[in-house]
Amino acid sequence: MNNKDKIKHFTSMLFSKYQKLTLTPEEVQESIGITVNTLKAARLNGTGIPYVKLNGVARSKPLYSISTIAEEIVKREITTFN
């Protein structure tokens, strides 16, 4: 399976589970195991999974696109050979 197909597969899985295009930090934690605190630290450091704040207010909850989550999973995949 190539990377494009992997991204489609992960995106489809996330959409099937949550039935929406963006996830809250709590849903990201549940789906891929990165803790809410780690996500927050990554946002503060400008690293990690890209996110959006849809209403443009600094205090609004960050949201993570399911397609971006899928891309990040595939991009960070480590391949090993036996």
N, C-alpha and C. Protein backbone atom coordinates (compact mmCIF):
# COMPACT_ATOMS: atom_id res chain seq x y z
N MET A 1 0.85 -1.17 0.00
CA MET A 1 0.00 0.00 0.00
C MET A 1 0.90 1.24 0.00
N ASN A 2 0.66 2.16 -0.94
CA ASN A 2 1.48 3.38 -0.98
C ASN A 2 0.98 4.39 0.05
N ASN A 3 1.75 5.47 0.24
CA ASN A 3 1.42 6.45 1.28
C ASN A 3 0.07 7.11 1.06
N LYS A 4 -0.25 7.41 -0.19
CA LYS A 4 -1.54 8.05 -0.49
C LYS A 4 -2.69 7.15 -0.08
N ASP A 5 -2.57 5.85 -0.36
CA ASP A 5 -3.61 4.90 0.02
C ASP A 5 -3.69 4.74 1.55
N LYS A 6 -2.54 4.78 2.21
CA LYS A 6 -2.53 4.70 3.68
C LYS A 6 -3.26 5.89 4.29
N ILE A 7 -2.99 7.08 3.75
CA ILE A 7 -3.65 8.29 4.25
C ILE A 7 -5.16 8.18 4.07
N LYS A 8 -5.59 7.73 2.89
CA LYS A 8 -7.03 7.55 2.64
C LYS A 8 -7.63 6.54 3.62
N HIS A 9 -6.90 5.46 3.87
CA HIS A 9 -7.37 4.41 4.76
C HIS A 9 -7.54 4.95 6.20
N PHE A 10 -6.51 5.63 6.71
CA PHE A 10 -6.59 6.18 8.07
C PHE A 10 -7.68 7.24 8.17
N THR A 11 -7.79 8.10 7.15
CA THR A 11 -8.83 9.13 7.15
C THR A 11 -10.21 8.50 7.18
N SER A 12 -10.39 7.47 6.39
CA SER A 12 -11.68 6.77 6.34
C SER A 12 -12.01 6.14 7.69
N MET A 13 -11.02 5.54 8.32
CA MET A 13 -11.23 4.92 9.63
C MET A 13 -11.64 5.97 10.67
N LEU A 14 -10.94 7.10 10.68
CA LEU A 14 -11.26 8.16 11.64
C LEU A 14 -12.64 8.74 11.39
N PHE A 15 -12.97 8.97 10.11
CA PHE A 15 -14.29 9.52 9.80
C PHE A 15 -15.39 8.53 10.17
N SER A 16 -15.16 7.26 9.91
CA SER A 16 -16.16 6.23 10.25
C SER A 16 -16.44 6.23 11.76
N LYS A 17 -15.41 6.41 12.54
CA LYS A 17 -15.59 6.38 13.99
C LYS A 17 -16.25 7.64 14.53
N TYR A 18 -15.80 8.82 14.07
CA TYR A 18 -16.25 10.08 14.67
C TYR A 18 -17.32 10.82 13.87
N GLN A 19 -17.48 10.49 12.60
CA GLN A 19 -18.49 11.12 11.74
C GLN A 19 -18.34 12.64 11.66
N LYS A 20 -17.11 13.10 11.67
CA LYS A 20 -16.83 14.53 11.50
C LYS A 20 -15.42 14.70 10.96
N LEU A 21 -15.11 15.91 10.49
CA LEU A 21 -13.85 16.17 9.81
C LEU A 21 -12.72 16.60 10.74
N THR A 22 -13.06 17.10 11.91
CA THR A 22 -12.03 17.53 12.86
C THR A 22 -12.25 16.87 14.21
N LEU A 23 -11.15 16.70 14.94
CA LEU A 23 -11.20 16.07 16.26
C LEU A 23 -10.67 17.03 17.33
N THR A 24 -11.24 16.91 18.51
CA THR A 24 -10.74 17.66 19.66
C THR A 24 -9.47 16.98 20.18
N PRO A 25 -8.71 17.66 21.03
CA PRO A 25 -7.53 17.01 21.61
C PRO A 25 -7.88 15.71 22.34
N GLU A 26 -9.02 15.68 23.01
CA GLU A 26 -9.43 14.45 23.72
C GLU A 26 -9.70 13.30 22.75
N GLU A 27 -10.28 13.62 21.60
CA GLU A 27 -10.54 12.58 20.59
C GLU A 27 -9.25 12.12 19.92
N VAL A 28 -8.31 13.05 19.72
CA VAL A 28 -7.00 12.66 19.18
C VAL A 28 -6.31 11.72 20.15
N GLN A 29 -6.36 12.06 21.44
CA GLN A 29 -5.77 11.19 22.45
C GLN A 29 -6.38 9.79 22.39
N GLU A 30 -7.68 9.72 22.31
CA GLU A 30 -8.38 8.44 22.25
C GLU A 30 -8.04 7.66 20.98
N SER A 31 -7.90 8.36 19.86
CA SER A 31 -7.72 7.66 18.59
C SER A 31 -6.29 7.25 18.31
N ILE A 32 -5.30 8.08 18.67
CA ILE A 32 -3.92 7.72 18.33
C ILE A 32 -2.97 7.68 19.52
N GLY A 33 -3.47 7.99 20.72
CA GLY A 33 -2.68 7.78 21.92
C GLY A 33 -1.74 8.89 22.32
N ILE A 34 -1.81 10.05 21.67
CA ILE A 34 -1.00 11.19 22.10
C ILE A 34 -1.80 11.93 23.16
N THR A 35 -1.23 12.11 24.32
CA THR A 35 -2.00 12.71 25.42
C THR A 35 -2.35 14.17 25.14
N VAL A 36 -3.41 14.63 25.78
CA VAL A 36 -3.85 16.01 25.66
C VAL A 36 -2.71 16.95 26.06
N ASN A 37 -1.99 16.61 27.11
CA ASN A 37 -0.88 17.46 27.56
C ASN A 37 0.25 17.51 26.55
N THR A 38 0.54 16.39 25.89
CA THR A 38 1.57 16.37 24.85
C THR A 38 1.14 17.21 23.66
N LEU A 39 -0.14 17.11 23.28
CA LEU A 39 -0.65 17.93 22.18
C LEU A 39 -0.54 19.42 22.52
N LYS A 40 -0.87 19.77 23.76
CA LYS A 40 -0.80 21.16 24.20
C LYS A 40 0.64 21.66 24.16
N ALA A 41 1.56 20.86 24.67
CA ALA A 41 2.98 21.24 24.65
C ALA A 41 3.47 21.42 23.22
N ALA A 42 3.06 20.55 22.32
CA ALA A 42 3.46 20.66 20.92
C ALA A 42 2.91 21.94 20.29
N ARG A 43 1.66 22.29 20.63
CA ARG A 43 1.08 23.55 20.11
C ARG A 43 1.89 24.75 20.61
N LEU A 44 2.22 24.75 21.90
CA LEU A 44 2.97 25.86 22.47
C LEU A 44 4.37 25.99 21.88
N ASN A 45 4.96 24.85 21.50
CA ASN A 45 6.31 24.83 20.92
C ASN A 45 6.29 24.99 19.40
N GLY A 46 5.11 24.99 18.80
CA GLY A 46 5.01 25.10 17.34
C GLY A 46 5.44 23.83 16.62
N THR A 47 5.28 22.70 17.30
CA THR A 47 5.63 21.41 16.70
C THR A 47 4.41 20.50 16.72
N GLY A 48 4.56 19.31 16.22
CA GLY A 48 3.47 18.34 16.30
C GLY A 48 2.47 18.45 15.17
N ILE A 49 1.29 17.95 15.41
CA ILE A 49 0.24 17.89 14.40
C ILE A 49 -0.35 19.28 14.19
N PRO A 50 -0.41 19.77 12.95
CA PRO A 50 -1.05 21.06 12.69
C PRO A 50 -2.51 21.06 13.16
N TYR A 51 -2.99 22.21 13.59
CA TYR A 51 -4.35 22.33 14.11
C TYR A 51 -4.97 23.63 13.65
N VAL A 52 -6.27 23.78 13.88
CA VAL A 52 -6.99 25.00 13.54
C VAL A 52 -7.82 25.45 14.72
N LYS A 53 -8.14 26.73 14.71
CA LYS A 53 -9.11 27.30 15.66
C LYS A 53 -10.15 27.97 14.77
N LEU A 54 -11.28 27.32 14.61
CA LEU A 54 -12.24 27.72 13.60
C LEU A 54 -12.88 29.08 13.81
N ASN A 55 -13.09 29.48 15.04
CA ASN A 55 -13.74 30.78 15.23
C ASN A 55 -12.74 31.93 15.37
N GLY A 56 -11.46 31.63 15.26
CA GLY A 56 -10.44 32.66 15.27
C GLY A 56 -10.13 33.28 16.62
N VAL A 57 -10.75 32.80 17.66
CA VAL A 57 -10.51 33.32 19.00
C VAL A 57 -9.37 32.54 19.64
N ALA A 58 -8.40 33.23 20.21
CA ALA A 58 -7.22 32.58 20.77
C ALA A 58 -7.57 31.54 21.83
N ARG A 59 -8.64 31.77 22.57
CA ARG A 59 -9.00 30.85 23.65
C ARG A 59 -9.88 29.70 23.20
N SER A 60 -10.23 29.66 21.92
CA SER A 60 -11.08 28.57 21.44
C SER A 60 -10.32 27.25 21.42
N LYS A 61 -11.05 26.17 21.42
CA LYS A 61 -10.45 24.84 21.46
C LYS A 61 -9.80 24.51 20.12
N PRO A 62 -8.58 24.00 20.15
CA PRO A 62 -7.93 23.59 18.91
C PRO A 62 -8.61 22.35 18.34
N LEU A 63 -8.66 22.28 17.03
CA LEU A 63 -9.23 21.13 16.35
C LEU A 63 -8.20 20.59 15.36
N TYR A 64 -8.19 19.27 15.23
CA TYR A 64 -7.24 18.59 14.36
C TYR A 64 -7.99 17.92 13.22
N SER A 65 -7.62 18.24 12.00
CA SER A 65 -8.24 17.65 10.82
C SER A 65 -7.90 16.16 10.75
N ILE A 66 -8.90 15.33 10.46
CA ILE A 66 -8.63 13.89 10.39
C ILE A 66 -7.66 13.57 9.26
N SER A 67 -7.72 14.32 8.16
CA SER A 67 -6.78 14.06 7.06
C SER A 67 -5.36 14.45 7.45
N THR A 68 -5.21 15.53 8.23
CA THR A 68 -3.89 15.93 8.69
C THR A 68 -3.33 14.92 9.68
N ILE A 69 -4.19 14.40 10.55
CA ILE A 69 -3.75 13.35 11.48
C ILE A 69 -3.25 12.14 10.70
N ALA A 70 -4.02 11.73 9.69
CA ALA A 70 -3.63 10.59 8.86
C ALA A 70 -2.30 10.85 8.16
N GLU A 71 -2.12 12.05 7.61
CA GLU A 71 -0.87 12.40 6.94
C GLU A 71 0.31 12.35 7.91
N GLU A 72 0.12 12.85 9.11
CA GLU A 72 1.19 12.86 10.11
C GLU A 72 1.58 11.43 10.52
N ILE A 73 0.59 10.57 10.65
CA ILE A 73 0.87 9.16 11.00
C ILE A 73 1.73 8.54 9.91
N VAL A 74 1.34 8.72 8.66
CA VAL A 74 2.07 8.12 7.54
C VAL A 74 3.45 8.75 7.40
N LYS A 75 3.52 10.07 7.55
CA LYS A 75 4.80 10.79 7.40
C LYS A 75 5.83 10.34 8.43
N ARG A 76 5.37 10.02 9.64
CA ARG A 76 6.28 9.67 10.73
C ARG A 76 6.51 8.15 10.87
N GLU A 77 5.96 7.41 9.94
CA GLU A 77 6.11 5.96 9.98
C GLU A 77 7.58 5.57 9.82
N ILE A 78 8.03 4.68 10.66
CA ILE A 78 9.40 4.18 10.60
C ILE A 78 9.36 2.77 10.05
N THR A 79 10.06 2.57 8.95
CA THR A 79 10.08 1.27 8.31
C THR A 79 11.34 0.52 8.74
N THR A 80 11.17 -0.72 9.13
CA THR A 80 12.31 -1.55 9.50
C THR A 80 12.39 -2.73 8.55
N PHE A 81 13.56 -3.23 8.39
CA PHE A 81 13.79 -4.38 7.51
C PHE A 81 14.42 -5.50 8.31
N ASN A 82 14.01 -6.71 8.04
CA ASN A 82 14.58 -7.88 8.72
C ASN A 82 15.76 -8.41 7.97
